[in-house]
């Protein structure tokens, strides 16, 4: 029997704001959470790869989750991400997330080192087994350890508190195979991990998206999720095409820099990049603005 959905619809991956001297701007982070909630976002995912979380230590990751929980104030769930290469370090951080009042945990695959299928199983099961909170898997191929459908199926069969899955593979065949292996009787919240696949993931049974575009254009993602909920597939298809073009603009320039530039333009400031990551150049700013004006987003 399906339990009530915890994460669904237009959820957001939080972009961490930094000051000019490289410190996390916690006040601005709390403002970001409030902006997302005010604009209809249903949940937040903190310390993801796009948040620059690899650039700051466990203490600051924990504080980011604590501030997000404080700002959310029970109105939406907060999902704390774990990005580590060892079970013990991840569990230590997870326990501190629990103390902050985090509503659920998501685990990113370990980075760089190539893990065997059995090693990945032990990694995810070893972390999830140390908490009573709902746990989500994050399939992020850029880590170098893409999770196979068979591994995901095994984990959901054998680890009882696994709750859902953020899929960034952009692979429809992967999604279909995984869903077949998990089956229809197991509670499973399939969330698109890319704004490029909101519509296609929903057609396969997905319940929402962890979106980056929500941080600057929340109504765009709320809009497509609403169209999908209504079964208005023509509107959803048209909006997905628009989202693809907007997403293309946001990939111009250095990693995540376009989001922070556009945040200032739309009145949703996201702070600075953390050095040595770079800000967007003047020439790239012009390219970004051109596309966004073409799409009537500015």
Protein backbone atom coordinates (compact mmCIF):
# COMPACT_ATOMS: atom_id res chain seq x y z
CA UNK A 1 0.00 0.00 0.00
CA UNK A 2 1.29 3.46 -0.92
CA UNK A 3 2.07 5.77 1.99
CA UNK A 4 1.45 9.49 1.79
CA UNK A 5 4.01 11.23 -0.41
CA UNK A 6 6.72 13.14 1.42
CA UNK A 7 8.36 14.79 -1.61
CA UNK A 8 6.26 15.51 -4.67
CA UNK A 9 5.48 18.12 -7.29
CA UNK A 10 7.76 21.18 -7.59
CA UNK A 11 10.49 20.59 -4.98
CA UNK A 12 13.75 22.53 -5.09
CA UNK A 13 17.45 21.86 -4.83
CA UNK A 14 18.80 24.70 -2.72
CA UNK A 15 21.64 26.81 -4.12
CA UNK A 16 23.99 27.89 -1.34
CA UNK A 17 24.70 31.64 -1.27
CA UNK A 18 28.22 32.79 -0.39
CA UNK A 19 29.61 36.17 0.57
CA UNK A 20 32.44 37.81 -1.40
CA UNK A 21 34.98 36.41 1.07
CA UNK A 22 33.72 32.83 0.68
CA UNK A 23 31.54 32.42 3.78
CA UNK A 24 28.07 30.91 3.59
CA UNK A 25 25.51 33.71 3.76
CA UNK A 26 23.11 32.00 6.15
CA UNK A 27 20.73 34.94 6.31
CA UNK A 28 20.40 34.88 2.53
CA UNK A 29 19.95 31.10 2.64
CA UNK A 30 16.97 31.54 4.95
CA UNK A 31 15.56 34.18 2.60
CA UNK A 32 15.94 31.74 -0.28
CA UNK A 33 13.91 29.10 1.57
CA UNK A 34 11.18 31.65 2.32
CA UNK A 35 11.12 32.73 -1.35
CA UNK A 36 10.68 29.12 -2.46
CA UNK A 37 7.87 28.43 0.00
CA UNK A 38 6.08 31.66 -0.88
CA UNK A 39 6.16 30.63 -4.54
CA UNK A 40 4.62 27.21 -4.04
CA UNK A 41 7.63 24.91 -3.65
CA UNK A 42 6.74 21.68 -1.83
CA UNK A 43 10.11 20.63 -0.36
CA UNK A 44 13.81 21.50 -0.36
CA UNK A 45 16.94 19.42 -0.98
CA UNK A 46 19.95 20.88 0.85
CA UNK A 47 23.68 20.29 0.20
CA UNK A 48 23.32 18.80 -3.27
CA UNK A 49 26.10 18.78 -5.83
CA UNK A 50 24.84 22.05 -7.31
CA UNK A 51 24.97 23.72 -3.89
CA UNK A 52 28.80 23.75 -3.90
CA UNK A 53 28.62 21.53 -0.79
CA UNK A 54 31.86 19.81 -1.76
CA UNK A 55 33.50 23.15 -0.98
CA UNK A 56 32.63 23.27 2.72
CA UNK A 57 33.13 20.97 5.73
CA UNK A 58 30.61 18.86 7.62
CA UNK A 59 30.04 21.56 10.26
CA UNK A 60 28.87 24.02 7.61
CA UNK A 61 26.75 21.40 5.83
CA UNK A 62 25.02 20.69 9.13
CA UNK A 63 24.48 24.39 9.75
CA UNK A 64 22.99 24.79 6.25
CA UNK A 65 20.47 22.05 7.06
CA UNK A 66 19.73 23.58 10.48
CA UNK A 67 19.04 26.98 8.92
CA UNK A 68 16.85 25.42 6.22
CA UNK A 69 14.82 23.56 8.85
CA UNK A 70 14.48 26.77 10.83
CA UNK A 71 13.32 28.75 7.79
CA UNK A 72 10.92 26.04 6.62
CA UNK A 73 9.39 25.95 10.11
CA UNK A 74 7.46 22.76 9.43
CA UNK A 75 5.72 24.10 6.33
CA UNK A 76 7.61 21.88 3.88
CA UNK A 77 9.99 18.94 4.40
CA UNK A 78 13.77 19.41 4.33
CA UNK A 79 15.93 16.72 2.72
CA UNK A 80 19.57 16.63 3.87
CA UNK A 81 22.08 15.30 1.34
CA UNK A 82 25.13 13.19 2.19
CA UNK A 83 28.19 13.49 -0.09
CA UNK A 84 30.96 11.32 1.29
CA UNK A 85 33.16 8.41 0.29
CA UNK A 86 32.91 6.48 3.53
CA UNK A 87 30.00 5.12 5.51
CA UNK A 88 31.29 6.34 8.88
CA UNK A 89 31.68 9.97 7.76
CA UNK A 90 28.25 9.94 6.15
CA UNK A 91 26.61 8.44 9.24
CA UNK A 92 28.25 11.03 11.48
CA UNK A 93 26.83 13.84 9.34
CA UNK A 94 23.45 12.11 9.12
CA UNK A 95 23.13 11.89 12.90
CA UNK A 96 23.75 15.61 13.12
CA UNK A 97 21.13 16.24 10.44
CA UNK A 98 18.68 14.29 12.60
CA UNK A 99 19.47 16.55 15.55
CA UNK A 100 18.63 19.56 13.36
CA UNK A 101 15.12 18.22 12.72
CA UNK A 102 15.73 17.18 9.13
CA UNK A 103 12.71 15.37 7.68
CA UNK A 104 14.54 12.90 5.46
CA UNK A 105 17.98 11.91 4.19
CA UNK A 106 19.24 11.53 0.63
CA UNK A 107 22.48 9.74 -0.22
CA UNK A 108 24.68 10.68 -3.18
CA UNK A 109 26.95 7.98 -4.62
CA UNK A 110 30.60 8.14 -3.55
CA UNK A 111 32.83 10.16 -5.85
CA UNK A 112 35.78 9.38 -8.16
CA UNK A 113 36.74 5.94 -6.82
CA UNK A 114 35.10 3.16 -8.80
CA UNK A 115 32.99 1.02 -6.46
CA UNK A 116 31.82 -2.48 -7.33
CA UNK A 117 28.09 -3.18 -7.37
CA UNK A 118 28.42 -4.97 -4.03
CA UNK A 119 30.48 -2.09 -2.64
CA UNK A 120 27.79 0.40 -3.62
CA UNK A 121 25.16 -1.81 -2.02
CA UNK A 122 27.09 -1.90 1.25
CA UNK A 123 27.61 1.88 1.09
CA UNK A 124 23.93 2.77 0.70
CA UNK A 125 22.57 0.02 2.94
CA UNK A 126 25.19 0.78 5.60
CA UNK A 127 24.14 4.42 5.81
CA UNK A 128 20.37 3.92 5.50
CA UNK A 129 20.44 1.25 8.19
CA UNK A 130 21.66 3.77 10.77
CA UNK A 131 18.59 6.01 10.70
CA UNK A 132 14.84 5.73 11.17
CA UNK A 133 14.22 8.68 8.86
CA UNK A 134 12.95 8.14 5.31
CA UNK A 135 15.93 7.74 2.98
CA UNK A 136 16.18 8.63 -0.71
CA UNK A 137 18.76 7.53 -3.26
CA UNK A 138 20.36 10.07 -5.59
CA UNK A 139 21.61 8.65 -8.87
CA UNK A 140 24.20 11.18 -10.04
CA UNK A 141 26.34 9.70 -12.85
CA UNK A 142 28.77 12.62 -12.68
CA UNK A 143 30.12 11.14 -9.44
CA UNK A 144 31.59 8.27 -11.48
CA UNK A 145 29.34 5.71 -9.76
CA UNK A 146 26.06 5.39 -11.65
CA UNK A 147 23.56 3.14 -9.88
CA UNK A 148 22.19 0.31 -12.01
CA UNK A 149 18.47 -0.54 -12.07
CA UNK A 150 19.35 -3.92 -10.57
CA UNK A 151 21.16 -2.33 -7.62
CA UNK A 152 18.28 0.07 -6.98
CA UNK A 153 15.80 -2.79 -7.15
CA UNK A 154 17.84 -4.80 -4.65
CA UNK A 155 18.17 -1.86 -2.25
CA UNK A 156 14.44 -1.17 -2.27
CA UNK A 157 13.75 -4.85 -1.74
CA UNK A 158 16.10 -5.21 1.24
CA UNK A 159 16.28 -1.80 2.97
CA UNK A 160 12.89 -1.01 4.53
CA UNK A 161 13.27 2.74 5.14
CA UNK A 162 14.16 3.60 1.55
CA UNK A 163 11.43 5.97 0.46
CA UNK A 164 12.27 7.50 -2.90
CA UNK A 165 14.74 8.23 -5.64
CA UNK A 166 16.16 11.33 -7.34
CA UNK A 167 17.08 10.32 -10.88
CA UNK A 168 19.63 12.42 -12.77
CA UNK A 169 20.55 9.76 -15.33
CA UNK A 170 18.38 11.34 -18.05
CA UNK A 171 17.89 7.75 -19.21
CA UNK A 172 14.33 6.63 -19.91
CA UNK A 173 15.31 2.99 -20.37
CA UNK A 174 17.01 3.06 -16.96
CA UNK A 175 13.85 4.44 -15.36
CA UNK A 176 11.58 1.85 -16.99
CA UNK A 177 13.83 -1.06 -16.00
CA UNK A 178 14.15 0.19 -12.43
CA UNK A 179 10.39 0.62 -12.04
CA UNK A 180 9.79 -2.92 -13.30
CA UNK A 181 12.27 -4.32 -10.79
CA UNK A 182 10.84 -2.40 -7.83
CA UNK A 183 7.26 -3.25 -8.71
CA UNK A 184 4.03 -1.44 -7.98
CA UNK A 185 3.44 -2.60 -4.40
CA UNK A 186 6.52 -0.96 -2.84
CA UNK A 187 6.24 2.68 -1.72
CA UNK A 188 8.48 4.53 -4.15
CA UNK A 189 8.68 8.25 -4.85
CA UNK A 190 10.34 8.75 -8.23
CA UNK A 191 11.51 12.35 -8.53
CA UNK A 192 13.07 13.77 -11.67
CA UNK A 193 16.59 14.96 -10.92
CA UNK A 194 16.77 17.21 -13.96
CA UNK A 195 14.50 20.00 -15.16
CA UNK A 196 14.94 18.48 -18.63
CA UNK A 197 12.94 15.39 -17.68
CA UNK A 198 9.97 16.59 -15.66
CA UNK A 199 7.40 15.55 -18.25
CA UNK A 200 8.96 12.25 -19.31
CA UNK A 201 9.55 11.16 -15.71
CA UNK A 202 5.94 11.96 -14.81
CA UNK A 203 4.68 9.86 -17.73
CA UNK A 204 6.54 6.87 -16.27
CA UNK A 205 5.00 7.37 -12.83
CA UNK A 206 7.19 10.09 -11.35
CA UNK A 207 5.64 12.23 -8.63
CA UNK A 208 7.68 15.42 -9.02
CA UNK A 209 11.06 17.03 -9.53
CA UNK A 210 14.00 18.28 -7.50
CA UNK A 211 14.54 21.37 -9.60
CA UNK A 212 17.30 23.96 -9.82
CA UNK A 213 15.26 26.37 -11.92
CA UNK A 214 12.89 26.77 -8.97
CA UNK A 215 15.54 28.93 -7.28
CA UNK A 216 15.10 31.65 -9.89
CA UNK A 217 11.92 30.80 -11.81
CA UNK A 218 9.75 28.86 -9.34
CA UNK A 219 6.46 29.62 -11.11
CA UNK A 220 7.76 27.97 -14.28
CA UNK A 221 8.23 24.65 -12.47
CA UNK A 222 5.09 25.03 -10.38
CA UNK A 223 3.26 25.63 -13.65
CA UNK A 224 4.38 22.47 -15.42
CA UNK A 225 3.75 20.35 -12.32
CA UNK A 226 0.25 21.81 -12.12
CA UNK A 227 -0.42 21.04 -15.78
CA UNK A 228 0.75 17.45 -15.27
CA UNK A 229 -1.49 17.07 -12.20
CA UNK A 230 -4.47 18.28 -14.27
CA UNK A 231 -3.64 15.93 -17.14
CA UNK A 232 -3.15 18.93 -19.42
CA UNK A 233 -0.45 17.27 -21.49
CA UNK A 234 -0.36 19.83 -24.29
CA UNK A 235 0.38 22.65 -21.84
CA UNK A 236 2.92 20.46 -20.06
CA UNK A 237 4.67 19.64 -23.34
CA UNK A 238 4.82 23.31 -24.32
CA UNK A 239 6.17 24.27 -20.90
CA UNK A 240 8.77 21.50 -20.99
CA UNK A 241 10.06 22.90 -24.30
CA UNK A 242 10.33 26.32 -22.68
CA UNK A 243 12.10 24.85 -19.65
CA UNK A 244 14.66 23.17 -21.92
CA UNK A 245 15.51 26.50 -23.53
CA UNK A 246 15.71 28.32 -20.18
CA UNK A 247 17.88 25.51 -18.81
CA UNK A 248 20.17 25.92 -21.82
CA UNK A 249 20.72 29.55 -20.85
CA UNK A 250 21.54 28.58 -17.29
CA UNK A 251 24.29 26.24 -18.46
CA UNK A 252 26.22 29.09 -20.10
CA UNK A 253 29.44 29.97 -18.32
CA UNK A 254 31.13 28.39 -15.28
CA UNK A 255 29.41 25.86 -13.01
CA UNK A 256 26.27 27.39 -11.41
CA UNK A 257 27.43 30.97 -12.07
CA UNK A 258 24.49 31.75 -14.37
CA UNK A 259 21.99 30.94 -11.61
CA UNK A 260 23.60 33.40 -9.24
CA UNK A 261 23.75 36.08 -11.93
CA UNK A 262 20.09 35.64 -12.90
CA UNK A 263 19.03 35.49 -9.24
CA UNK A 264 20.10 39.10 -8.89
CA UNK A 265 18.18 40.08 -12.03
CA UNK A 266 14.89 38.56 -10.86
CA UNK A 267 15.05 39.72 -7.24
CA UNK A 268 15.95 36.32 -5.79
CA UNK A 269 19.60 36.85 -4.82
CA UNK A 270 21.74 33.73 -4.46
CA UNK A 271 25.01 35.31 -3.36
CA UNK A 272 28.41 34.75 -4.90
CA UNK A 273 30.29 31.73 -6.17
CA UNK A 274 32.78 30.22 -3.73
CA UNK A 275 36.35 30.66 -4.99
CA UNK A 276 38.07 29.20 -6.88
CA UNK A 277 34.78 28.70 -8.77
CA UNK A 278 34.25 31.63 -11.15
CA UNK A 279 31.51 34.16 -11.74
CA UNK A 280 29.88 34.49 -15.15
CA UNK A 281 31.72 36.73 -17.65
CA UNK A 282 30.24 39.88 -19.21
CA UNK A 283 30.03 38.24 -22.63
CA UNK A 284 28.22 35.22 -21.18
CA UNK A 285 25.84 37.50 -19.30
CA UNK A 286 24.72 38.94 -22.64
CA UNK A 287 24.10 35.45 -24.05
CA UNK A 288 22.07 34.45 -20.99
CA UNK A 289 19.95 37.59 -21.06
CA UNK A 290 19.27 37.20 -24.78
CA UNK A 291 17.86 33.69 -24.35
CA UNK A 292 15.82 34.56 -21.27
CA UNK A 293 14.29 37.59 -22.97
CA UNK A 294 13.50 35.44 -25.97
CA UNK A 295 11.62 33.11 -23.61
CA UNK A 296 9.92 36.09 -21.90
CA UNK A 297 11.52 35.27 -18.55
CA UNK A 298 13.07 38.74 -18.13
